[in-house]
Amino acid sequence: MNRLISIIGTGLCVITISGCQTTGGKIEAPTIAAPECQWPGTQVAAPIWVCDGPIEGYSSYATGSHKSAAGNSFMKQQAALKARVALANEIKVKVSGMIKNYLGTTGSGDAETIDQAASSTAKSITASTLVGSKIVRSQLSPTGEMFVVVGVDLQAQKEIVKNAVKTSLRNESALWQEFKSQKSHDEMAAAIAEMESK
């Protein structure tokens, strides 16, 4: 029995030593890489979405967080609100670029008018207009802060873009009048929304 324990012990020592590097007679532990994403304020690995990593199936998404003594439900609600505000801002940037691209490639208007049209449409997008957005993931951090990621899929994003363009067309009819000669407002809104999928 003692011989068996001695053999097992020797084997473990060999495995342990072979798993380490030796330099100049000293044994060094292997280097462990830091996790790709860490919970804020900690050294603890976090899911990649906490660090704005990709979320499969969602064309636009944003992360929000909140810490409170009011409980998980309240923290989740507040974190989702912050995430929707961030998501609205992200979509505003995308929509502005899509409108500039669309109007620029169709040769409609000068640069100043195109910028004004893009700005007008982006303003109509708010956190409350993000129809189809939903909480995709939520998790408490080791420090007790609730993190959520809110996203919209491509189809929902197209609807948001179409509605934003149509709202802007109604609110800034004089601005959009010069672009109307090429297509109807509905056709223009649909064409701009489709640019994201290409």
N, C-alpha and C. Protein backbone atom coordinates (compact mmCIF):
# COMPACT_ATOMS: atom_id res chain seq x y z
N MET A 1 0.83 -1.20 0.00
CA MET A 1 0.00 0.00 0.00
C MET A 1 0.87 1.26 0.00
N ASN A 2 1.92 1.25 0.86
CA ASN A 2 2.81 2.41 0.90
C ASN A 2 3.53 2.59 -0.43
N ARG A 3 3.87 1.46 -1.08
CA ARG A 3 4.54 1.53 -2.37
C ARG A 3 3.62 2.18 -3.41
N LEU A 4 2.31 1.85 -3.41
CA LEU A 4 1.33 2.43 -4.33
C LEU A 4 1.20 3.94 -4.11
N ILE A 5 1.15 4.35 -2.85
CA ILE A 5 1.06 5.78 -2.54
C ILE A 5 2.32 6.50 -2.99
N SER A 6 3.46 5.86 -2.84
CA SER A 6 4.73 6.46 -3.27
C SER A 6 4.78 6.63 -4.78
N ILE A 7 4.27 5.64 -5.53
CA ILE A 7 4.25 5.72 -7.00
C ILE A 7 3.31 6.82 -7.46
N ILE A 8 2.13 6.90 -6.87
CA ILE A 8 1.16 7.94 -7.23
C ILE A 8 1.73 9.32 -6.90
N GLY A 9 2.36 9.46 -5.74
CA GLY A 9 2.96 10.73 -5.34
C GLY A 9 4.06 11.16 -6.29
N THR A 10 4.91 10.22 -6.70
CA THR A 10 5.98 10.52 -7.66
C THR A 10 5.39 10.95 -9.00
N GLY A 11 4.34 10.26 -9.42
CA GLY A 11 3.67 10.61 -10.69
C GLY A 11 3.10 12.01 -10.65
N LEU A 12 2.48 12.38 -9.53
CA LEU A 12 1.92 13.73 -9.39
C LEU A 12 3.02 14.78 -9.40
N CYS A 13 4.14 14.47 -8.76
CA CYS A 13 5.26 15.42 -8.77
C CYS A 13 5.77 15.63 -10.19
N VAL A 14 5.90 14.54 -10.96
CA VAL A 14 6.37 14.64 -12.35
C VAL A 14 5.40 15.46 -13.17
N ILE A 15 4.10 15.20 -13.01
CA ILE A 15 3.08 15.95 -13.76
C ILE A 15 3.13 17.42 -13.37
N THR A 16 3.23 17.71 -12.09
CA THR A 16 3.27 19.09 -11.61
C THR A 16 4.49 19.82 -12.14
N ILE A 17 5.64 19.19 -12.07
CA ILE A 17 6.87 19.83 -12.53
C ILE A 17 6.88 19.99 -14.04
N SER A 18 6.37 19.02 -14.77
CA SER A 18 6.38 19.13 -16.23
C SER A 18 5.40 20.20 -16.71
N GLY A 19 4.41 20.55 -15.90
CA GLY A 19 3.47 21.59 -16.27
C GLY A 19 4.02 22.98 -16.03
N CYS A 20 5.18 23.10 -15.43
CA CYS A 20 5.81 24.38 -15.16
C CYS A 20 7.06 24.52 -16.01
N GLN A 21 7.49 25.75 -16.18
CA GLN A 21 8.70 26.01 -16.94
C GLN A 21 9.84 26.19 -15.96
N THR A 22 11.05 25.77 -16.39
CA THR A 22 12.21 26.01 -15.54
C THR A 22 13.15 26.97 -16.24
N THR A 23 13.63 27.91 -15.48
CA THR A 23 14.63 28.84 -15.99
C THR A 23 15.69 29.01 -14.93
N GLY A 24 16.91 28.60 -15.27
CA GLY A 24 18.02 28.75 -14.32
C GLY A 24 17.80 27.99 -13.03
N GLY A 25 17.17 26.84 -13.10
CA GLY A 25 16.96 26.04 -11.91
C GLY A 25 15.73 26.41 -11.10
N LYS A 26 15.05 27.50 -11.44
CA LYS A 26 13.85 27.91 -10.71
C LYS A 26 12.61 27.44 -11.45
N ILE A 27 11.62 27.03 -10.72
CA ILE A 27 10.36 26.59 -11.32
C ILE A 27 9.41 27.79 -11.32
N GLU A 28 8.86 28.09 -12.51
CA GLU A 28 7.90 29.20 -12.64
C GLU A 28 6.54 28.65 -13.04
N ALA A 29 5.51 29.19 -12.47
CA ALA A 29 4.16 28.79 -12.83
C ALA A 29 3.84 29.31 -14.23
N PRO A 30 3.01 28.57 -15.00
CA PRO A 30 2.65 29.05 -16.34
C PRO A 30 1.89 30.37 -16.27
N THR A 31 2.07 31.21 -17.28
CA THR A 31 1.38 32.49 -17.34
C THR A 31 -0.06 32.26 -17.77
N ILE A 32 -0.98 32.89 -17.04
CA ILE A 32 -2.40 32.77 -17.37
C ILE A 32 -2.84 34.11 -17.96
N ALA A 33 -3.42 34.05 -19.14
CA ALA A 33 -3.87 35.27 -19.81
C ALA A 33 -5.08 35.85 -19.09
N ALA A 34 -5.17 37.18 -19.10
CA ALA A 34 -6.33 37.85 -18.51
C ALA A 34 -7.56 37.55 -19.35
N PRO A 35 -8.73 37.45 -18.73
CA PRO A 35 -9.95 37.18 -19.52
C PRO A 35 -10.22 38.32 -20.52
N GLU A 36 -10.87 37.95 -21.61
CA GLU A 36 -11.18 38.92 -22.66
C GLU A 36 -12.08 40.04 -22.13
N CYS A 37 -12.96 39.70 -21.21
CA CYS A 37 -13.88 40.67 -20.64
C CYS A 37 -13.94 40.45 -19.13
N GLN A 38 -13.90 41.52 -18.37
CA GLN A 38 -13.98 41.44 -16.92
C GLN A 38 -15.11 42.31 -16.40
N TRP A 39 -15.69 41.88 -15.28
CA TRP A 39 -16.69 42.71 -14.63
C TRP A 39 -16.00 44.00 -14.18
N PRO A 40 -16.61 45.16 -14.41
CA PRO A 40 -15.99 46.42 -14.00
C PRO A 40 -15.62 46.42 -12.52
N GLY A 41 -14.40 46.89 -12.23
CA GLY A 41 -13.93 46.99 -10.86
C GLY A 41 -13.46 45.69 -10.25
N THR A 42 -13.37 44.63 -11.09
CA THR A 42 -12.92 43.33 -10.58
C THR A 42 -11.91 42.73 -11.54
N GLN A 43 -11.37 41.60 -11.14
CA GLN A 43 -10.49 40.80 -12.01
C GLN A 43 -11.23 39.54 -12.46
N VAL A 44 -12.54 39.51 -12.28
CA VAL A 44 -13.36 38.34 -12.56
C VAL A 44 -13.84 38.36 -14.01
N ALA A 45 -13.70 37.21 -14.68
CA ALA A 45 -14.16 37.10 -16.07
C ALA A 45 -15.66 37.33 -16.16
N ALA A 46 -16.07 38.04 -17.20
CA ALA A 46 -17.48 38.34 -17.43
C ALA A 46 -17.88 37.86 -18.82
N PRO A 47 -19.16 37.66 -19.06
CA PRO A 47 -19.60 37.31 -20.42
C PRO A 47 -19.20 38.42 -21.40
N ILE A 48 -18.90 38.06 -22.61
CA ILE A 48 -18.39 39.02 -23.60
C ILE A 48 -19.39 40.14 -23.88
N TRP A 49 -20.67 39.88 -23.72
CA TRP A 49 -21.67 40.94 -24.00
C TRP A 49 -21.57 42.09 -23.01
N VAL A 50 -21.03 41.85 -21.82
CA VAL A 50 -20.85 42.92 -20.84
C VAL A 50 -19.90 43.98 -21.41
N CYS A 51 -18.95 43.55 -22.23
CA CYS A 51 -17.97 44.45 -22.84
C CYS A 51 -18.37 44.82 -24.27
N ASP A 52 -19.68 44.82 -24.56
CA ASP A 52 -20.22 45.17 -25.88
C ASP A 52 -19.77 44.21 -26.97
N GLY A 53 -19.54 42.95 -26.61
CA GLY A 53 -19.22 41.92 -27.61
C GLY A 53 -20.45 41.59 -28.43
N PRO A 54 -20.28 40.87 -29.54
CA PRO A 54 -21.40 40.58 -30.44
C PRO A 54 -22.47 39.70 -29.81
N ILE A 55 -23.71 39.95 -30.21
CA ILE A 55 -24.85 39.15 -29.77
C ILE A 55 -25.46 38.55 -31.02
N GLU A 56 -25.40 37.25 -31.13
CA GLU A 56 -25.89 36.58 -32.34
C GLU A 56 -27.39 36.83 -32.54
N GLY A 57 -27.76 37.18 -33.76
CA GLY A 57 -29.16 37.38 -34.11
C GLY A 57 -29.65 38.81 -33.93
N TYR A 58 -28.77 39.71 -33.45
CA TYR A 58 -29.17 41.09 -33.22
C TYR A 58 -28.25 42.03 -34.00
N SER A 59 -28.86 42.90 -34.81
CA SER A 59 -28.07 43.81 -35.64
C SER A 59 -27.58 45.01 -34.84
N SER A 60 -28.31 45.40 -33.81
CA SER A 60 -27.92 46.51 -32.94
C SER A 60 -28.23 46.13 -31.51
N TYR A 61 -27.32 46.48 -30.61
CA TYR A 61 -27.50 46.14 -29.20
C TYR A 61 -26.65 47.08 -28.36
N ALA A 62 -27.01 47.21 -27.09
CA ALA A 62 -26.26 48.06 -26.17
C ALA A 62 -26.43 47.52 -24.75
N THR A 63 -25.43 47.79 -23.93
CA THR A 63 -25.41 47.31 -22.56
C THR A 63 -25.69 48.47 -21.60
N GLY A 64 -26.41 48.17 -20.54
CA GLY A 64 -26.65 49.15 -19.49
C GLY A 64 -26.50 48.47 -18.13
N SER A 65 -26.23 49.25 -17.11
CA SER A 65 -26.08 48.66 -15.78
C SER A 65 -26.64 49.62 -14.72
N HIS A 66 -26.99 49.03 -13.58
CA HIS A 66 -27.51 49.84 -12.48
C HIS A 66 -27.31 49.07 -11.18
N LYS A 67 -26.96 49.81 -10.12
CA LYS A 67 -26.82 49.20 -8.80
C LYS A 67 -27.69 49.98 -7.83
N SER A 68 -28.47 49.25 -7.04
CA SER A 68 -29.39 49.89 -6.11
C SER A 68 -29.76 48.90 -5.02
N ALA A 69 -30.16 49.42 -3.89
CA ALA A 69 -30.65 48.57 -2.80
C ALA A 69 -32.12 48.23 -2.98
N ALA A 70 -32.74 48.74 -4.05
CA ALA A 70 -34.18 48.55 -4.27
C ALA A 70 -34.53 47.17 -4.82
N GLY A 71 -33.54 46.33 -5.10
CA GLY A 71 -33.82 44.96 -5.53
C GLY A 71 -33.52 44.72 -7.01
N ASN A 72 -33.47 43.43 -7.36
CA ASN A 72 -33.09 43.02 -8.72
C ASN A 72 -34.04 43.52 -9.79
N SER A 73 -35.33 43.48 -9.53
CA SER A 73 -36.30 43.89 -10.53
C SER A 73 -36.13 45.37 -10.89
N PHE A 74 -35.98 46.20 -9.87
CA PHE A 74 -35.78 47.63 -10.10
C PHE A 74 -34.46 47.88 -10.84
N MET A 75 -33.39 47.19 -10.40
CA MET A 75 -32.09 47.36 -11.06
C MET A 75 -32.16 46.94 -12.53
N LYS A 76 -32.87 45.86 -12.81
CA LYS A 76 -33.00 45.38 -14.19
C LYS A 76 -33.74 46.40 -15.04
N GLN A 77 -34.81 46.96 -14.48
CA GLN A 77 -35.60 47.97 -15.19
C GLN A 77 -34.75 49.21 -15.50
N GLN A 78 -33.99 49.68 -14.53
CA GLN A 78 -33.15 50.86 -14.73
C GLN A 78 -32.00 50.59 -15.69
N ALA A 79 -31.40 49.42 -15.58
CA ALA A 79 -30.31 49.05 -16.49
C ALA A 79 -30.83 48.95 -17.92
N ALA A 80 -32.04 48.40 -18.09
CA ALA A 80 -32.63 48.29 -19.43
C ALA A 80 -32.92 49.67 -20.01
N LEU A 81 -33.37 50.60 -19.17
CA LEU A 81 -33.62 51.97 -19.63
C LEU A 81 -32.33 52.61 -20.14
N LYS A 82 -31.24 52.46 -19.37
CA LYS A 82 -29.95 53.00 -19.79
C LYS A 82 -29.47 52.34 -21.09
N ALA A 83 -29.69 51.04 -21.20
CA ALA A 83 -29.29 50.33 -22.42
C ALA A 83 -30.09 50.81 -23.62
N ARG A 84 -31.39 51.08 -23.44
CA ARG A 84 -32.22 51.56 -24.56
C ARG A 84 -31.78 52.96 -25.01
N VAL A 85 -31.39 53.80 -24.08
CA VAL A 85 -30.88 55.13 -24.44
C VAL A 85 -29.61 54.97 -25.28
N ALA A 86 -28.71 54.09 -24.82
CA ALA A 86 -27.47 53.84 -25.57
C ALA A 86 -27.77 53.23 -26.93
N LEU A 87 -28.76 52.33 -26.99
CA LEU A 87 -29.14 51.70 -28.25
C LEU A 87 -29.73 52.72 -29.21
N ALA A 88 -30.56 53.63 -28.70
CA ALA A 88 -31.14 54.69 -29.54
C ALA A 88 -30.02 55.54 -30.14
N ASN A 89 -29.01 55.87 -29.34
CA ASN A 89 -27.89 56.67 -29.85
C ASN A 89 -27.11 55.91 -30.92
N GLU A 90 -26.93 54.62 -30.72
CA GLU A 90 -26.23 53.81 -31.72
C GLU A 90 -27.01 53.78 -33.04
N ILE A 91 -28.32 53.58 -32.94
CA ILE A 91 -29.15 53.52 -34.14
C ILE A 91 -29.19 54.88 -34.83
N LYS A 92 -29.18 55.96 -34.06
CA LYS A 92 -29.15 57.31 -34.65
C LYS A 92 -27.93 57.46 -35.55
N VAL A 93 -26.79 57.01 -35.08
CA VAL A 93 -25.56 57.11 -35.87
C VAL A 93 -25.69 56.28 -37.15
N LYS A 94 -26.22 55.06 -37.02
CA LYS A 94 -26.40 54.20 -38.19
C LYS A 94 -27.35 54.84 -39.19
N VAL A 95 -28.49 55.33 -38.70
CA VAL A 95 -29.50 55.92 -39.58
C VAL A 95 -28.95 57.16 -40.27
N SER A 96 -28.25 57.98 -39.55
CA SER A 96 -27.66 59.18 -40.14
C SER A 96 -26.74 58.79 -41.29
N GLY A 97 -25.91 57.78 -41.07
CA GLY A 97 -25.01 57.31 -42.13
C GLY A 97 -25.77 56.74 -43.31
N MET A 98 -26.85 55.99 -43.03
CA MET A 98 -27.64 55.40 -44.11
C MET A 98 -28.30 56.48 -44.96
N ILE A 99 -28.83 57.51 -44.33
CA ILE A 99 -29.49 58.60 -45.08
C ILE A 99 -28.46 59.35 -45.92
N LYS A 100 -27.33 59.66 -45.32
CA LYS A 100 -26.28 60.36 -46.09
C LYS A 100 -25.84 59.51 -47.28
N ASN A 101 -25.68 58.23 -47.05
CA ASN A 101 -25.28 57.32 -48.12
C ASN A 101 -26.34 57.27 -49.22
N TYR A 102 -27.60 57.10 -48.80
CA TYR A 102 -28.69 57.00 -49.77
C TYR A 102 -28.84 58.28 -50.59
N LEU A 103 -28.93 59.42 -49.91
CA LEU A 103 -29.14 60.68 -50.61
C LEU A 103 -27.90 61.07 -51.42
N GLY A 104 -26.73 60.70 -50.92
CA GLY A 104 -25.50 61.00 -51.66
C GLY A 104 -25.38 60.19 -52.93
N THR A 105 -25.74 58.91 -52.86
CA THR A 105 -25.62 58.05 -54.05
C THR A 105 -26.72 58.32 -55.07
N THR A 106 -27.85 58.87 -54.63
CA THR A 106 -28.91 59.18 -55.59
C THR A 106 -28.73 60.58 -56.18
N GLY A 107 -27.73 61.30 -55.69
CA GLY A 107 -27.47 62.64 -56.21
C GLY A 107 -28.51 63.66 -55.79
N SER A 108 -29.16 63.41 -54.67
CA SER A 108 -30.20 64.32 -54.19
C SER A 108 -29.63 65.37 -53.24
N GLY A 109 -29.76 66.63 -53.58
CA GLY A 109 -29.41 67.72 -52.69
C GLY A 109 -27.93 67.92 -52.48
N ASP A 110 -27.61 69.06 -51.90
CA ASP A 110 -26.21 69.36 -51.59
C ASP A 110 -25.87 68.80 -50.22
N ALA A 111 -24.59 68.88 -49.86
CA ALA A 111 -24.10 68.28 -48.60
C ALA A 111 -24.82 68.84 -47.38
N GLU A 112 -25.06 70.14 -47.37
CA GLU A 112 -25.71 70.76 -46.21
C GLU A 112 -27.14 70.25 -46.04
N THR A 113 -27.87 70.13 -47.14
CA THR A 113 -29.25 69.65 -47.07
C THR A 113 -29.29 68.18 -46.65
N ILE A 114 -28.34 67.39 -47.16
CA ILE A 114 -28.27 65.97 -46.79
C ILE A 114 -27.97 65.83 -45.29
N ASP A 115 -27.03 66.63 -44.79
CA ASP A 115 -26.71 66.60 -43.36
C ASP A 115 -27.92 66.99 -42.52
N GLN A 116 -28.66 67.97 -42.98
CA GLN A 116 -29.85 68.42 -42.26
C GLN A 116 -30.91 67.32 -42.24
N ALA A 117 -31.08 66.63 -43.36
CA ALA A 117 -32.05 65.53 -43.43
C ALA A 117 -31.65 64.39 -42.50
N ALA A 118 -30.35 64.06 -42.48
CA ALA A 118 -29.86 63.00 -41.61
C ALA A 118 -30.06 63.37 -40.14
N SER A 119 -29.77 64.61 -39.79
CA SER A 119 -29.92 65.08 -38.42
C SER A 119 -31.38 65.08 -37.99
N SER A 120 -32.25 65.51 -38.89
CA SER A 120 -33.68 65.56 -38.60
C SER A 120 -34.23 64.16 -38.31
N THR A 121 -33.80 63.18 -39.11
CA THR A 121 -34.27 61.81 -38.91
C THR A 121 -33.72 61.23 -37.62
N ALA A 122 -32.45 61.44 -37.37
CA ALA A 122 -31.82 60.90 -36.16
C ALA A 122 -32.51 61.42 -34.90
N LYS A 123 -32.93 62.70 -34.91
CA LYS A 123 -33.59 63.29 -33.74
C LYS A 123 -34.90 62.59 -33.41
N SER A 124 -35.53 62.00 -34.42
CA SER A 124 -36.83 61.37 -34.18
C SER A 124 -36.70 60.00 -33.52
N ILE A 125 -35.48 59.51 -33.39
CA ILE A 125 -35.26 58.21 -32.74
C ILE A 125 -34.94 58.44 -31.27
N THR A 126 -35.77 57.87 -30.41
CA THR A 126 -35.55 57.97 -28.96
C THR A 126 -35.66 56.57 -28.38
N ALA A 127 -35.30 56.44 -27.12
CA ALA A 127 -35.39 55.13 -26.46
C ALA A 127 -36.82 54.59 -26.50
N SER A 128 -37.81 55.49 -26.45
CA SER A 128 -39.20 55.04 -26.44
C SER A 128 -39.69 54.60 -27.81
N THR A 129 -38.95 54.94 -28.89
CA THR A 129 -39.38 54.53 -30.23
C THR A 129 -38.76 53.22 -30.66
N LEU A 130 -38.00 52.59 -29.80
CA LEU A 130 -37.33 51.36 -30.19
C LEU A 130 -38.27 50.16 -30.10
N VAL A 131 -39.27 50.17 -30.97
CA VAL A 131 -40.23 49.08 -31.03
C VAL A 131 -39.48 47.82 -31.46
N GLY A 132 -39.73 46.73 -30.77
CA GLY A 132 -39.05 45.48 -31.12
C GLY A 132 -37.77 45.26 -30.34
N SER A 133 -37.35 46.25 -29.54
CA SER A 133 -36.15 46.03 -28.72
C SER A 133 -36.54 45.19 -27.51
N LYS A 134 -35.61 44.36 -27.08
CA LYS A 134 -35.90 43.52 -25.92
C LYS A 134 -34.62 43.23 -25.14
N ILE A 135 -34.81 42.88 -23.89
CA ILE A 135 -33.68 42.48 -23.06
C ILE A 135 -33.24 41.10 -23.55
N VAL A 136 -32.00 41.01 -23.97
CA VAL A 136 -31.48 39.77 -24.51
C VAL A 136 -30.81 38.94 -23.41
N ARG A 137 -30.07 39.60 -22.54
CA ARG A 137 -29.38 38.95 -21.44
C ARG A 137 -29.38 39.88 -20.22
N SER A 138 -29.33 39.28 -19.03
CA SER A 138 -29.17 40.07 -17.81
C SER A 138 -28.41 39.23 -16.80
N GLN A 139 -27.60 39.90 -15.99
CA GLN A 139 -26.82 39.18 -14.99
C GLN A 139 -26.30 40.14 -13.93
N LEU A 140 -26.26 39.65 -12.70
CA LEU A 140 -25.69 40.42 -11.60
C LEU A 140 -24.17 40.26 -11.63
N SER A 141 -23.45 41.34 -11.42
CA SER A 141 -21.99 41.27 -11.35
C SER A 141 -21.60 40.82 -9.94
N PRO A 142 -20.34 40.44 -9.76
CA PRO A 142 -19.89 40.05 -8.41
C PRO A 142 -20.03 41.19 -7.39
N THR A 143 -20.11 42.44 -7.87
CA THR A 143 -20.25 43.57 -6.95
C THR A 143 -21.72 43.93 -6.68
N GLY A 144 -22.66 43.15 -7.25
CA GLY A 144 -24.08 43.39 -7.02
C GLY A 144 -24.73 44.37 -7.97
N GLU A 145 -24.03 44.71 -9.07
CA GLU A 145 -24.59 45.61 -10.08
C GLU A 145 -25.27 44.78 -11.17
N MET A 146 -26.47 45.18 -11.55
CA MET A 146 -27.21 44.46 -12.59
C MET A 146 -26.78 44.97 -13.97
N PHE A 147 -26.43 44.05 -14.85
CA PHE A 147 -26.08 44.37 -16.23
C PHE A 147 -27.10 43.73 -17.15
N VAL A 148 -27.54 44.48 -18.16
CA VAL A 148 -28.43 43.93 -19.19
C VAL A 148 -27.93 44.37 -20.55
N VAL A 149 -28.27 43.58 -21.54
CA VAL A 149 -28.03 43.98 -22.93
C VAL A 149 -29.39 43.98 -23.62
N VAL A 150 -29.69 45.08 -24.31
CA VAL A 150 -30.94 45.23 -25.05
C VAL A 150 -30.59 45.25 -26.53
N GLY A 151 -31.37 44.55 -27.33
CA GLY A 151 -31.07 44.51 -28.76
C GLY A 151 -32.29 44.51 -29.64
N VAL A 152 -32.05 44.77 -30.92
CA VAL A 152 -33.09 44.65 -31.94
C VAL A 152 -32.52 43.82 -33.07
N ASP A 153 -33.37 42.98 -33.65
CA ASP A 153 -32.92 42.21 -34.80
C ASP A 153 -33.03 43.07 -36.06
N LEU A 154 -32.56 42.55 -37.17
CA LEU A 154 -32.50 43.34 -38.41
C LEU A 154 -33.88 43.80 -38.85
N GLN A 155 -34.88 42.92 -38.76
CA GLN A 155 -36.23 43.29 -39.20
C GLN A 155 -36.80 44.43 -38.35
N ALA A 156 -36.62 44.33 -37.04
CA ALA A 156 -37.11 45.40 -36.15
C ALA A 156 -36.36 46.70 -36.43
N GLN A 157 -35.06 46.59 -36.70
CA GLN A 157 -34.28 47.80 -36.99
C GLN A 157 -34.78 48.47 -38.27
N LYS A 158 -35.13 47.68 -39.28
CA LYS A 158 -35.66 48.25 -40.53
C LYS A 158 -36.95 49.03 -40.26
N GLU A 159 -37.80 48.47 -39.40
CA GLU A 159 -39.05 49.16 -39.06
C GLU A 159 -38.78 50.47 -38.31
N ILE A 160 -37.81 50.44 -37.41
CA ILE A 160 -37.44 51.65 -36.67
C ILE A 160 -36.95 52.72 -37.65
N VAL A 161 -36.11 52.32 -38.59
CA VAL A 161 -35.58 53.26 -39.59
C VAL A 161 -36.70 53.82 -40.44
N LYS A 162 -37.58 52.95 -40.95
CA LYS A 162 -38.70 53.41 -41.79
C LYS A 162 -39.57 54.41 -41.04
N ASN A 163 -39.90 54.07 -39.80
CA ASN A 163 -40.75 54.97 -39.00
C ASN A 163 -40.06 56.29 -38.71
N ALA A 164 -38.75 56.25 -38.46
CA ALA A 164 -38.00 57.49 -38.20
C ALA A 164 -37.98 58.37 -39.43
N VAL A 165 -37.76 57.77 -40.60
CA VAL A 165 -37.74 58.55 -41.85
C VAL A 165 -39.12 59.15 -42.11
N LYS A 166 -40.17 58.34 -41.94
CA LYS A 166 -41.53 58.84 -42.18
C LYS A 166 -41.89 59.97 -41.22
N THR A 167 -41.52 59.82 -39.93
CA THR A 167 -41.77 60.88 -38.95
C THR A 167 -41.04 62.15 -39.35
N SER A 168 -39.80 61.99 -39.77
CA SER A 168 -39.00 63.14 -40.18
C SER A 168 -39.59 63.79 -41.43
N LEU A 169 -40.09 62.98 -42.35
CA LEU A 169 -40.70 63.51 -43.58
C LEU A 169 -41.90 64.38 -43.24
N ARG A 170 -42.70 63.91 -42.27
CA ARG A 170 -43.88 64.69 -41.88
C ARG A 170 -43.50 65.97 -41.15
N ASN A 171 -42.49 65.87 -40.26
CA ASN A 171 -42.11 67.02 -39.45
C ASN A 171 -41.29 68.06 -40.23
N GLU A 172 -40.56 67.63 -41.21
CA GLU A 172 -39.68 68.52 -41.98
C GLU A 172 -40.05 68.45 -43.46
N SER A 173 -41.33 68.61 -43.75
CA SER A 173 -41.81 68.41 -45.12
C SER A 173 -41.11 69.31 -46.13
N ALA A 174 -40.79 70.54 -45.76
CA ALA A 174 -40.11 71.45 -46.69
C ALA A 174 -38.72 70.93 -47.03
N LEU A 175 -38.03 70.42 -46.03
CA LEU A 175 -36.69 69.89 -46.22
C LEU A 175 -36.70 68.69 -47.16
N TRP A 176 -37.67 67.81 -46.94
CA TRP A 176 -37.71 66.58 -47.71
C TRP A 176 -38.36 66.75 -49.08
N GLN A 177 -39.00 67.88 -49.31
CA GLN A 177 -39.72 68.09 -50.56
C GLN A 177 -38.81 67.93 -51.78
N GLU A 178 -37.57 68.40 -51.68
CA GLU A 178 -36.69 68.31 -52.84
C GLU A 178 -36.25 66.88 -53.14
N PHE A 179 -36.32 66.01 -52.14
CA PHE A 179 -35.96 64.61 -52.38
C PHE A 179 -37.16 63.83 -52.91
N LYS A 180 -38.36 64.33 -52.72
CA LYS A 180 -39.58 63.62 -53.08
C LYS A 180 -39.70 63.38 -54.57
N SER A 181 -39.09 64.21 -55.38
CA SER A 181 -39.24 64.08 -56.82
C SER A 181 -38.73 62.73 -57.33
N GLN A 182 -37.78 62.13 -56.62
CA GLN A 182 -37.22 60.86 -57.09
C GLN A 182 -38.11 59.68 -56.71
N LYS A 183 -38.60 59.67 -55.51
CA LYS A 183 -39.41 58.55 -55.03
C LYS A 183 -40.46 59.08 -54.07
N SER A 184 -41.48 58.26 -53.82
CA SER A 184 -42.46 58.64 -52.81
C SER A 184 -41.78 58.51 -51.45
N HIS A 185 -42.37 59.12 -50.45
CA HIS A 185 -41.81 59.06 -49.11
C HIS A 185 -41.71 57.62 -48.61
N ASP A 186 -42.75 56.82 -48.87
CA ASP A 186 -42.73 55.42 -48.43
C ASP A 186 -41.61 54.64 -49.11
N GLU A 187 -41.45 54.86 -50.43
CA GLU A 187 -40.38 54.18 -51.15
C GLU A 187 -39.01 54.60 -50.63
N MET A 188 -38.87 55.89 -50.34
CA MET A 188 -37.60 56.40 -49.84
C MET A 188 -37.29 55.79 -48.47
N ALA A 189 -38.30 55.75 -47.59
CA ALA A 189 -38.09 55.19 -46.26
C ALA A 189 -37.71 53.72 -46.33
N ALA A 190 -38.38 52.96 -47.21
CA ALA A 190 -38.08 51.55 -47.38
C ALA A 190 -36.68 51.34 -47.95
N ALA A 191 -36.30 52.15 -48.92
CA ALA A 191 -34.98 52.03 -49.55
C ALA A 191 -33.88 52.32 -48.53
N ILE A 192 -34.06 53.35 -47.71
CA ILE A 192 -33.07 53.69 -46.69
C ILE A 192 -32.96 52.56 -45.66
N ALA A 193 -34.10 52.02 -45.24
CA ALA A 193 -34.10 50.93 -44.26
C ALA A 193 -33.42 49.68 -44.78
N GLU A 194 -33.54 49.43 -46.06
CA GLU A 194 -32.94 48.23 -46.67
C GLU A 194 -31.42 48.33 -46.76
N MET A 195 -30.87 49.53 -46.70
CA MET A 195 -29.41 49.70 -46.84
C MET A 195 -28.65 48.94 -45.78
N GLU A 196 -29.21 48.74 -44.59
CA GLU A 196 -28.52 48.06 -43.50
C GLU A 196 -28.28 46.60 -43.82
N SER A 197 -29.15 45.97 -44.61
CA SER A 197 -29.02 44.55 -44.88
C SER A 197 -28.06 44.23 -46.01
N LYS A 198 -27.55 45.27 -46.68
CA LYS A 198 -26.65 45.03 -47.81
C LYS A 198 -25.21 45.04 -47.39
